[in-house]
Amino acid sequence: MELLPLTIPGAYELRADPHVDFRGFFARIIDLTVLKAHGLYDHFEQGSLSFNKQRGTLRGLHFQASPHWETKIVTCVAGRIFDVVVDLRRESPAFGRWEARELDASSCNSLYVPIGCAHGFQTLDPNTAVLYSITPAYRAELARGVHPFDTELSVSWPIEDAVLSERDLALPTLRDLAV
């Protein structure tokens, strides 16, 4: 597994090295030994799956509040997504910046989202499935988010007619967020 640093400190694109034969491929998408060797979090408590029927579905930008900030590894296991990480750490030189990668099932790439960052994605294909490895375990009362169309962030979502939940449409802007 290869770790490619993003411009947001502590965020990485993880690229697997698939073993390919006539049947397809097999790839290790998470290697805790590699994460630990790079000083990254290596103890994930929960796995979650997001299935999205429609192209253009947008989920995010989500995080879990202190004292239970999350670390996530996000992998697209069917279809394709535009995957976004936003730095919410006020002391970070990247505060308020976002970065994105396209993830898809055949590329064997994932996104490592560090503590203190929000995460979201938009589906580029219908019937897209996204697998999350998360720590600590989800706590509904600490679920937070930033409005995905916050003009200060100006995330360049690739599909204009996004499919969003009412909850995500009601999220605060970064300026109004109390982190």
N, C-alpha and C. Protein backbone atom coordinates (compact mmCIF):
# COMPACT_ATOMS: atom_id res chain seq x y z
N MET A 1 0.85 -1.17 0.00
CA MET A 1 0.00 0.00 0.00
C MET A 1 0.90 1.24 0.00
N GLU A 2 0.56 2.17 -0.87
CA GLU A 2 1.32 3.41 -0.99
C GLU A 2 0.52 4.56 -0.37
N LEU A 3 1.17 5.44 0.37
CA LEU A 3 0.54 6.60 0.97
C LEU A 3 1.02 7.84 0.24
N LEU A 4 0.07 8.58 -0.35
CA LEU A 4 0.39 9.81 -1.06
C LEU A 4 -0.18 10.98 -0.27
N PRO A 5 0.67 11.85 0.29
CA PRO A 5 0.16 12.95 1.10
C PRO A 5 -0.63 13.96 0.28
N LEU A 6 -1.71 14.45 0.87
CA LEU A 6 -2.47 15.53 0.29
C LEU A 6 -1.89 16.84 0.82
N THR A 7 -2.38 17.97 0.35
CA THR A 7 -1.89 19.26 0.85
C THR A 7 -2.44 19.56 2.24
N ILE A 8 -3.48 18.85 2.66
CA ILE A 8 -4.02 18.98 4.01
C ILE A 8 -3.17 18.10 4.92
N PRO A 9 -2.54 18.66 5.95
CA PRO A 9 -1.66 17.86 6.82
C PRO A 9 -2.38 16.66 7.42
N GLY A 10 -1.75 15.49 7.30
CA GLY A 10 -2.29 14.26 7.86
C GLY A 10 -3.28 13.53 6.98
N ALA A 11 -3.67 14.13 5.86
CA ALA A 11 -4.60 13.47 4.92
C ALA A 11 -3.78 12.80 3.81
N TYR A 12 -4.25 11.62 3.40
CA TYR A 12 -3.51 10.84 2.41
C TYR A 12 -4.47 10.16 1.44
N GLU A 13 -3.99 9.98 0.22
CA GLU A 13 -4.61 9.03 -0.68
C GLU A 13 -3.86 7.73 -0.48
N LEU A 14 -4.59 6.66 -0.24
CA LEU A 14 -3.98 5.34 -0.08
C LEU A 14 -4.18 4.58 -1.38
N ARG A 15 -3.11 4.04 -1.91
CA ARG A 15 -3.21 3.26 -3.15
C ARG A 15 -2.75 1.83 -2.88
N ALA A 16 -3.63 0.92 -3.18
CA ALA A 16 -3.31 -0.50 -3.00
C ALA A 16 -2.50 -1.00 -4.19
N ASP A 17 -1.85 -2.12 -4.00
CA ASP A 17 -1.10 -2.78 -5.06
C ASP A 17 -1.83 -4.08 -5.39
N PRO A 18 -2.79 -4.03 -6.32
CA PRO A 18 -3.61 -5.22 -6.57
C PRO A 18 -2.82 -6.36 -7.23
N HIS A 19 -3.18 -7.57 -6.83
CA HIS A 19 -2.65 -8.77 -7.47
C HIS A 19 -3.68 -9.21 -8.50
N VAL A 20 -3.30 -9.13 -9.77
CA VAL A 20 -4.23 -9.32 -10.88
C VAL A 20 -4.00 -10.68 -11.53
N ASP A 21 -5.08 -11.36 -11.85
CA ASP A 21 -5.02 -12.56 -12.68
C ASP A 21 -6.28 -12.61 -13.55
N PHE A 22 -6.51 -13.72 -14.20
CA PHE A 22 -7.62 -13.83 -15.15
C PHE A 22 -8.99 -13.67 -14.49
N ARG A 23 -9.07 -13.81 -13.17
CA ARG A 23 -10.36 -13.68 -12.47
C ARG A 23 -10.69 -12.24 -12.12
N GLY A 24 -9.67 -11.38 -12.06
CA GLY A 24 -9.84 -10.00 -11.61
C GLY A 24 -8.65 -9.61 -10.77
N PHE A 25 -8.89 -9.12 -9.57
CA PHE A 25 -7.77 -8.75 -8.70
C PHE A 25 -8.13 -8.96 -7.25
N PHE A 26 -7.09 -8.95 -6.42
CA PHE A 26 -7.22 -8.98 -4.97
C PHE A 26 -6.30 -7.88 -4.46
N ALA A 27 -6.82 -7.04 -3.55
CA ALA A 27 -6.01 -5.93 -3.05
C ALA A 27 -6.25 -5.72 -1.56
N ARG A 28 -5.18 -5.46 -0.85
CA ARG A 28 -5.27 -5.08 0.57
C ARG A 28 -5.46 -3.57 0.59
N ILE A 29 -6.65 -3.12 1.01
CA ILE A 29 -6.93 -1.69 0.99
C ILE A 29 -6.57 -0.99 2.29
N ILE A 30 -6.45 -1.74 3.38
CA ILE A 30 -6.00 -1.18 4.65
C ILE A 30 -4.92 -2.10 5.21
N ASP A 31 -3.79 -1.51 5.53
CA ASP A 31 -2.69 -2.26 6.15
C ASP A 31 -2.28 -1.49 7.40
N LEU A 32 -2.71 -1.99 8.56
CA LEU A 32 -2.46 -1.28 9.81
C LEU A 32 -0.98 -1.13 10.12
N THR A 33 -0.16 -2.08 9.69
CA THR A 33 1.28 -1.98 9.91
C THR A 33 1.85 -0.79 9.17
N VAL A 34 1.39 -0.57 7.94
CA VAL A 34 1.85 0.58 7.15
C VAL A 34 1.38 1.88 7.78
N LEU A 35 0.11 1.93 8.19
CA LEU A 35 -0.41 3.14 8.83
C LEU A 35 0.39 3.47 10.09
N LYS A 36 0.61 2.46 10.91
CA LYS A 36 1.35 2.66 12.15
C LYS A 36 2.78 3.13 11.88
N ALA A 37 3.43 2.57 10.87
CA ALA A 37 4.79 2.96 10.52
C ALA A 37 4.88 4.43 10.10
N HIS A 38 3.77 4.98 9.60
CA HIS A 38 3.73 6.39 9.19
C HIS A 38 3.15 7.29 10.29
N GLY A 39 2.95 6.72 11.48
CA GLY A 39 2.43 7.50 12.59
C GLY A 39 0.95 7.82 12.49
N LEU A 40 0.23 7.05 11.67
CA LEU A 40 -1.20 7.27 11.49
C LEU A 40 -2.00 6.36 12.39
N TYR A 41 -3.23 6.73 12.60
CA TYR A 41 -4.10 5.95 13.48
C TYR A 41 -4.27 4.55 12.90
N ASP A 42 -4.19 3.54 13.76
CA ASP A 42 -4.22 2.16 13.28
C ASP A 42 -5.21 1.29 14.05
N HIS A 43 -6.22 1.91 14.67
CA HIS A 43 -7.21 1.13 15.42
C HIS A 43 -8.61 1.63 15.05
N PHE A 44 -9.23 0.96 14.12
CA PHE A 44 -10.56 1.37 13.66
C PHE A 44 -11.61 0.52 14.35
N GLU A 45 -12.64 1.19 14.87
CA GLU A 45 -13.64 0.54 15.70
C GLU A 45 -14.92 0.21 14.97
N GLN A 46 -15.13 0.79 13.80
CA GLN A 46 -16.42 0.62 13.14
C GLN A 46 -16.24 0.64 11.64
N GLY A 47 -17.03 -0.17 10.95
CA GLY A 47 -17.10 -0.15 9.50
C GLY A 47 -18.53 0.17 9.11
N SER A 48 -18.69 1.06 8.14
CA SER A 48 -20.02 1.45 7.68
C SER A 48 -20.04 1.44 6.17
N LEU A 49 -21.23 1.20 5.60
CA LEU A 49 -21.40 1.16 4.15
C LEU A 49 -22.49 2.14 3.76
N SER A 50 -22.21 2.96 2.77
CA SER A 50 -23.18 3.91 2.24
C SER A 50 -23.51 3.48 0.82
N PHE A 51 -24.79 3.18 0.55
CA PHE A 51 -25.23 2.85 -0.80
C PHE A 51 -26.03 4.03 -1.34
N ASN A 52 -25.77 4.40 -2.57
CA ASN A 52 -26.35 5.60 -3.16
C ASN A 52 -26.91 5.26 -4.54
N LYS A 53 -28.23 5.33 -4.67
CA LYS A 53 -28.90 4.94 -5.91
C LYS A 53 -28.65 5.89 -7.08
N GLN A 54 -28.61 7.18 -6.78
CA GLN A 54 -28.57 8.16 -7.85
C GLN A 54 -27.20 8.78 -8.07
N ARG A 55 -26.88 9.02 -9.34
CA ARG A 55 -25.71 9.81 -9.70
C ARG A 55 -25.95 11.23 -9.17
N GLY A 56 -24.93 11.84 -8.60
CA GLY A 56 -25.05 13.20 -8.08
C GLY A 56 -25.40 13.27 -6.60
N THR A 57 -25.60 12.11 -5.96
CA THR A 57 -25.89 12.12 -4.53
C THR A 57 -24.70 12.72 -3.79
N LEU A 58 -24.99 13.67 -2.92
CA LEU A 58 -23.94 14.35 -2.16
C LEU A 58 -24.20 14.10 -0.68
N ARG A 59 -23.18 13.59 0.00
CA ARG A 59 -23.25 13.36 1.44
C ARG A 59 -22.10 14.12 2.09
N GLY A 60 -22.46 14.98 3.03
CA GLY A 60 -21.41 15.71 3.73
C GLY A 60 -21.67 17.19 3.68
N LEU A 61 -20.82 17.84 4.27
CA LEU A 61 -19.48 17.54 4.79
C LEU A 61 -19.60 17.22 6.28
N HIS A 62 -19.30 16.01 6.68
CA HIS A 62 -19.57 15.52 8.03
C HIS A 62 -18.31 15.31 8.86
N PHE A 63 -18.49 15.40 10.17
CA PHE A 63 -17.45 15.04 11.13
C PHE A 63 -18.13 14.75 12.46
N GLN A 64 -17.37 14.23 13.38
CA GLN A 64 -17.87 13.99 14.73
C GLN A 64 -17.11 14.93 15.66
N ALA A 65 -17.86 15.61 16.54
CA ALA A 65 -17.28 16.66 17.38
C ALA A 65 -16.41 16.11 18.50
N SER A 66 -15.58 17.01 19.01
CA SER A 66 -14.74 16.73 20.17
C SER A 66 -15.62 16.36 21.36
N PRO A 67 -15.22 15.44 22.17
CA PRO A 67 -13.92 14.80 22.26
C PRO A 67 -13.81 13.51 21.43
N HIS A 68 -14.72 13.30 20.52
CA HIS A 68 -14.72 12.06 19.73
C HIS A 68 -14.50 12.33 18.25
N TRP A 69 -13.53 13.20 17.93
CA TRP A 69 -13.18 13.42 16.54
C TRP A 69 -12.92 12.07 15.87
N GLU A 70 -13.24 11.97 14.61
CA GLU A 70 -13.07 10.71 13.87
C GLU A 70 -11.85 10.76 12.97
N THR A 71 -11.27 9.60 12.79
CA THR A 71 -10.38 9.33 11.68
C THR A 71 -11.15 8.38 10.79
N LYS A 72 -11.08 8.57 9.47
CA LYS A 72 -11.81 7.72 8.53
C LYS A 72 -10.88 7.27 7.41
N ILE A 73 -11.12 6.05 6.96
CA ILE A 73 -10.58 5.61 5.68
C ILE A 73 -11.80 5.33 4.82
N VAL A 74 -11.86 6.01 3.68
CA VAL A 74 -13.02 5.95 2.80
C VAL A 74 -12.62 5.26 1.51
N THR A 75 -13.39 4.23 1.12
CA THR A 75 -13.10 3.44 -0.07
C THR A 75 -14.38 3.26 -0.88
N CYS A 76 -14.31 3.53 -2.15
CA CYS A 76 -15.44 3.31 -3.03
C CYS A 76 -15.37 1.86 -3.52
N VAL A 77 -16.39 1.07 -3.22
CA VAL A 77 -16.37 -0.36 -3.57
C VAL A 77 -17.26 -0.69 -4.76
N ALA A 78 -18.06 0.27 -5.22
CA ALA A 78 -18.86 0.11 -6.45
C ALA A 78 -19.14 1.51 -6.99
N GLY A 79 -18.96 1.70 -8.27
CA GLY A 79 -19.18 3.02 -8.87
C GLY A 79 -17.98 3.93 -8.69
N ARG A 80 -18.26 5.25 -8.68
CA ARG A 80 -17.20 6.26 -8.56
C ARG A 80 -17.71 7.41 -7.70
N ILE A 81 -16.79 8.03 -6.95
CA ILE A 81 -17.13 9.21 -6.17
C ILE A 81 -16.07 10.29 -6.31
N PHE A 82 -16.51 11.52 -6.07
CA PHE A 82 -15.64 12.68 -5.91
C PHE A 82 -15.56 12.84 -4.40
N ASP A 83 -14.43 12.53 -3.79
CA ASP A 83 -14.29 12.44 -2.35
C ASP A 83 -13.52 13.66 -1.83
N VAL A 84 -14.07 14.31 -0.80
CA VAL A 84 -13.56 15.60 -0.34
C VAL A 84 -13.20 15.55 1.15
N VAL A 85 -12.08 16.16 1.49
CA VAL A 85 -11.69 16.36 2.89
C VAL A 85 -11.49 17.86 3.09
N VAL A 86 -12.02 18.39 4.21
CA VAL A 86 -11.91 19.81 4.54
C VAL A 86 -11.23 19.92 5.90
N ASP A 87 -10.21 20.74 5.98
CA ASP A 87 -9.47 20.93 7.23
C ASP A 87 -10.23 21.91 8.13
N LEU A 88 -10.64 21.44 9.32
CA LEU A 88 -11.36 22.26 10.29
C LEU A 88 -10.49 22.65 11.49
N ARG A 89 -9.22 22.29 11.46
CA ARG A 89 -8.32 22.57 12.58
C ARG A 89 -7.82 24.01 12.49
N ARG A 90 -8.32 24.84 13.38
CA ARG A 90 -8.02 26.29 13.31
C ARG A 90 -6.52 26.57 13.39
N GLU A 91 -5.75 25.70 14.03
CA GLU A 91 -4.30 25.91 14.13
C GLU A 91 -3.55 25.39 12.90
N SER A 92 -4.23 24.75 11.99
CA SER A 92 -3.60 24.16 10.81
C SER A 92 -3.33 25.22 9.74
N PRO A 93 -2.20 25.12 9.05
CA PRO A 93 -1.94 26.05 7.94
C PRO A 93 -2.93 25.84 6.78
N ALA A 94 -3.65 24.72 6.82
CA ALA A 94 -4.62 24.42 5.76
C ALA A 94 -6.06 24.66 6.21
N PHE A 95 -6.25 25.34 7.35
CA PHE A 95 -7.61 25.55 7.87
C PHE A 95 -8.51 26.15 6.79
N GLY A 96 -9.70 25.52 6.64
CA GLY A 96 -10.68 26.02 5.68
C GLY A 96 -10.43 25.61 4.25
N ARG A 97 -9.35 24.89 4.00
CA ARG A 97 -9.08 24.42 2.63
C ARG A 97 -9.64 23.03 2.44
N TRP A 98 -9.92 22.69 1.20
CA TRP A 98 -10.42 21.36 0.87
C TRP A 98 -9.54 20.76 -0.22
N GLU A 99 -9.59 19.45 -0.29
CA GLU A 99 -8.91 18.72 -1.37
C GLU A 99 -9.76 17.51 -1.70
N ALA A 100 -9.70 17.09 -2.94
CA ALA A 100 -10.55 15.98 -3.39
C ALA A 100 -9.76 15.00 -4.24
N ARG A 101 -10.25 13.79 -4.24
CA ARG A 101 -9.75 12.73 -5.11
C ARG A 101 -10.94 11.97 -5.67
N GLU A 102 -10.80 11.47 -6.88
CA GLU A 102 -11.81 10.57 -7.41
C GLU A 102 -11.44 9.16 -6.96
N LEU A 103 -12.40 8.50 -6.34
CA LEU A 103 -12.20 7.12 -5.91
C LEU A 103 -13.15 6.24 -6.71
N ASP A 104 -12.66 5.07 -7.10
CA ASP A 104 -13.52 4.10 -7.77
C ASP A 104 -13.06 2.69 -7.44
N ALA A 105 -13.97 1.77 -7.62
CA ALA A 105 -13.72 0.38 -7.20
C ALA A 105 -12.52 -0.24 -7.91
N SER A 106 -12.31 0.06 -9.17
CA SER A 106 -11.24 -0.62 -9.90
C SER A 106 -9.87 0.00 -9.66
N SER A 107 -9.80 1.22 -9.14
CA SER A 107 -8.51 1.87 -8.91
C SER A 107 -7.85 1.46 -7.60
N CYS A 108 -8.61 0.86 -6.69
CA CYS A 108 -8.05 0.43 -5.39
C CYS A 108 -7.44 1.58 -4.61
N ASN A 109 -8.05 2.76 -4.69
CA ASN A 109 -7.55 3.87 -3.89
C ASN A 109 -8.58 4.24 -2.83
N SER A 110 -8.08 4.84 -1.75
CA SER A 110 -8.91 5.25 -0.62
C SER A 110 -8.43 6.61 -0.17
N LEU A 111 -9.22 7.23 0.71
CA LEU A 111 -8.83 8.50 1.30
C LEU A 111 -8.73 8.33 2.81
N TYR A 112 -7.60 8.75 3.37
CA TYR A 112 -7.40 8.76 4.82
C TYR A 112 -7.73 10.17 5.30
N VAL A 113 -8.79 10.29 6.10
CA VAL A 113 -9.26 11.57 6.61
C VAL A 113 -8.87 11.66 8.08
N PRO A 114 -7.96 12.57 8.42
CA PRO A 114 -7.47 12.63 9.81
C PRO A 114 -8.45 13.34 10.74
N ILE A 115 -8.19 13.17 12.02
CA ILE A 115 -8.92 13.88 13.06
C ILE A 115 -8.89 15.38 12.77
N GLY A 116 -10.04 16.02 12.97
CA GLY A 116 -10.12 17.47 12.79
C GLY A 116 -10.52 17.90 11.40
N CYS A 117 -10.89 16.94 10.57
CA CYS A 117 -11.30 17.25 9.20
C CYS A 117 -12.73 16.76 8.96
N ALA A 118 -13.43 17.48 8.09
CA ALA A 118 -14.75 17.06 7.64
C ALA A 118 -14.58 16.26 6.36
N HIS A 119 -15.57 15.42 6.08
CA HIS A 119 -15.52 14.57 4.90
C HIS A 119 -16.87 14.59 4.19
N GLY A 120 -16.82 14.52 2.89
CA GLY A 120 -18.03 14.38 2.09
C GLY A 120 -17.70 13.81 0.73
N PHE A 121 -18.73 13.38 0.03
CA PHE A 121 -18.51 12.88 -1.33
C PHE A 121 -19.75 13.10 -2.18
N GLN A 122 -19.52 13.07 -3.50
CA GLN A 122 -20.62 13.11 -4.46
C GLN A 122 -20.44 11.94 -5.41
N THR A 123 -21.53 11.22 -5.66
CA THR A 123 -21.45 10.06 -6.54
C THR A 123 -21.38 10.51 -8.00
N LEU A 124 -20.53 9.84 -8.75
CA LEU A 124 -20.36 10.13 -10.17
C LEU A 124 -21.07 9.10 -11.03
N ASP A 125 -21.50 8.02 -10.42
CA ASP A 125 -22.23 6.94 -11.10
C ASP A 125 -23.43 6.57 -10.25
N PRO A 126 -24.48 6.02 -10.86
CA PRO A 126 -25.57 5.48 -10.05
C PRO A 126 -25.11 4.20 -9.36
N ASN A 127 -25.85 3.78 -8.35
CA ASN A 127 -25.57 2.53 -7.62
C ASN A 127 -24.13 2.46 -7.12
N THR A 128 -23.75 3.50 -6.42
CA THR A 128 -22.40 3.62 -5.87
C THR A 128 -22.41 3.22 -4.40
N ALA A 129 -21.40 2.46 -3.99
CA ALA A 129 -21.27 2.04 -2.60
C ALA A 129 -19.92 2.50 -2.05
N VAL A 130 -19.98 3.04 -0.83
CA VAL A 130 -18.78 3.59 -0.19
C VAL A 130 -18.62 2.94 1.18
N LEU A 131 -17.43 2.40 1.42
CA LEU A 131 -17.10 1.73 2.67
C LEU A 131 -16.26 2.66 3.53
N TYR A 132 -16.65 2.80 4.80
CA TYR A 132 -15.94 3.63 5.76
C TYR A 132 -15.35 2.73 6.84
N SER A 133 -14.09 2.97 7.19
CA SER A 133 -13.49 2.45 8.41
C SER A 133 -13.34 3.66 9.30
N ILE A 134 -13.90 3.59 10.52
CA ILE A 134 -14.03 4.77 11.36
C ILE A 134 -13.57 4.49 12.78
N THR A 135 -12.98 5.51 13.39
CA THR A 135 -12.70 5.48 14.81
C THR A 135 -12.80 6.88 15.36
N PRO A 136 -13.32 7.09 16.51
CA PRO A 136 -14.02 6.10 17.32
C PRO A 136 -15.39 5.80 16.73
N ALA A 137 -16.12 4.91 17.38
CA ALA A 137 -17.45 4.55 16.90
C ALA A 137 -18.35 5.78 16.85
N TYR A 138 -19.28 5.77 15.92
CA TYR A 138 -20.21 6.87 15.69
C TYR A 138 -21.07 7.13 16.91
N ARG A 139 -21.23 8.41 17.24
CA ARG A 139 -22.13 8.84 18.32
C ARG A 139 -23.03 9.93 17.75
N ALA A 140 -24.31 9.62 17.58
CA ALA A 140 -25.25 10.53 16.93
C ALA A 140 -25.28 11.91 17.55
N GLU A 141 -25.16 12.00 18.87
CA GLU A 141 -25.24 13.30 19.53
C GLU A 141 -24.03 14.19 19.23
N LEU A 142 -22.96 13.61 18.67
CA LEU A 142 -21.77 14.38 18.32
C LEU A 142 -21.62 14.58 16.81
N ALA A 143 -22.61 14.14 16.04
CA ALA A 143 -22.57 14.30 14.58
C ALA A 143 -22.70 15.78 14.23
N ARG A 144 -21.79 16.26 13.42
CA ARG A 144 -21.76 17.65 13.00
C ARG A 144 -21.46 17.71 11.51
N GLY A 145 -21.50 18.92 10.97
CA GLY A 145 -21.16 19.08 9.58
C GLY A 145 -21.02 20.54 9.19
N VAL A 146 -20.53 20.73 7.97
CA VAL A 146 -20.39 22.04 7.35
C VAL A 146 -21.20 21.99 6.06
N HIS A 147 -21.89 23.07 5.77
CA HIS A 147 -22.73 23.12 4.57
C HIS A 147 -21.88 22.83 3.33
N PRO A 148 -22.30 21.87 2.51
CA PRO A 148 -21.48 21.49 1.35
C PRO A 148 -21.35 22.58 0.29
N PHE A 149 -22.26 23.57 0.32
CA PHE A 149 -22.19 24.67 -0.66
C PHE A 149 -21.77 25.99 0.00
N ASP A 150 -21.04 25.89 1.11
CA ASP A 150 -20.50 27.07 1.78
C ASP A 150 -19.65 27.85 0.77
N THR A 151 -20.00 29.12 0.55
CA THR A 151 -19.29 29.90 -0.47
C THR A 151 -17.85 30.20 -0.08
N GLU A 152 -17.54 30.21 1.23
CA GLU A 152 -16.15 30.41 1.64
C GLU A 152 -15.28 29.21 1.28
N LEU A 153 -15.85 28.02 1.40
CA LEU A 153 -15.10 26.81 1.04
C LEU A 153 -15.02 26.66 -0.47
N SER A 154 -16.11 26.94 -1.16
CA SER A 154 -16.20 26.84 -2.62
C SER A 154 -15.72 25.49 -3.16
N VAL A 155 -16.25 24.41 -2.58
CA VAL A 155 -15.92 23.08 -3.10
C VAL A 155 -16.47 22.97 -4.53
N SER A 156 -15.66 22.50 -5.44
CA SER A 156 -16.06 22.38 -6.84
C SER A 156 -16.71 21.02 -7.09
N TRP A 157 -17.92 20.86 -6.57
CA TRP A 157 -18.64 19.60 -6.78
C TRP A 157 -18.86 19.41 -8.27
N PRO A 158 -18.60 18.22 -8.80
CA PRO A 158 -18.64 18.03 -10.25
C PRO A 158 -20.04 17.99 -10.87
N ILE A 159 -21.06 17.66 -10.08
CA ILE A 159 -22.42 17.55 -10.63
C ILE A 159 -23.28 18.63 -9.99
N GLU A 160 -23.77 19.54 -10.81
CA GLU A 160 -24.50 20.70 -10.32
C GLU A 160 -25.82 20.34 -9.65
N ASP A 161 -26.59 19.45 -10.22
CA ASP A 161 -27.89 19.05 -9.66
C ASP A 161 -27.69 17.95 -8.63
N ALA A 162 -27.23 18.34 -7.46
CA ALA A 162 -26.91 17.39 -6.41
C ALA A 162 -28.18 16.90 -5.70
N VAL A 163 -28.12 15.66 -5.24
CA VAL A 163 -29.18 15.05 -4.44
C VAL A 163 -28.70 15.09 -3.00
N LEU A 164 -29.39 15.88 -2.15
CA LEU A 164 -28.96 16.08 -0.76
C LEU A 164 -30.09 15.81 0.21
N SER A 165 -29.71 15.48 1.43
CA SER A 165 -30.69 15.33 2.50
C SER A 165 -31.04 16.72 3.05
N GLU A 166 -32.18 16.80 3.69
CA GLU A 166 -32.59 18.05 4.37
C GLU A 166 -31.57 18.39 5.47
N ARG A 167 -31.07 17.37 6.14
CA ARG A 167 -30.08 17.58 7.21
C ARG A 167 -28.83 18.28 6.66
N ASP A 168 -28.32 17.80 5.52
CA ASP A 168 -27.11 18.41 4.96
C ASP A 168 -27.37 19.82 4.46
N LEU A 169 -28.57 20.08 3.93
CA LEU A 169 -28.92 21.43 3.48
C LEU A 169 -29.01 22.41 4.64
N ALA A 170 -29.25 21.91 5.85
CA ALA A 170 -29.39 22.77 7.04
C ALA A 170 -28.09 22.95 7.81
N LEU A 171 -26.99 22.36 7.35
CA LEU A 171 -25.72 22.47 8.07
C LEU A 171 -25.21 23.91 8.06
N PRO A 172 -24.47 24.31 9.09
CA PRO A 172 -23.93 25.67 9.15
C PRO A 172 -22.74 25.85 8.20
N THR A 173 -22.42 27.11 7.92
CA THR A 173 -21.21 27.41 7.16
C THR A 173 -20.01 27.26 8.10
N LEU A 174 -18.84 27.25 7.53
CA LEU A 174 -17.62 27.17 8.33
C LEU A 174 -17.53 28.36 9.29
N ARG A 175 -17.89 29.54 8.82
CA ARG A 175 -17.86 30.75 9.64
C ARG A 175 -18.78 30.63 10.86
N ASP A 176 -19.93 29.95 10.70
CA ASP A 176 -20.91 29.80 11.78
C ASP A 176 -20.69 28.56 12.63
N LEU A 177 -19.72 27.77 12.26
CA LEU A 177 -19.48 26.51 12.96
C LEU A 177 -18.71 26.73 14.25
N ALA A 178 -19.17 26.13 15.31
CA ALA A 178 -18.45 26.17 16.58
C ALA A 178 -17.75 24.83 16.75
N VAL A 179 -16.46 24.76 16.42
CA VAL A 179 -15.69 23.52 16.51
C VAL A 179 -14.97 23.47 17.82
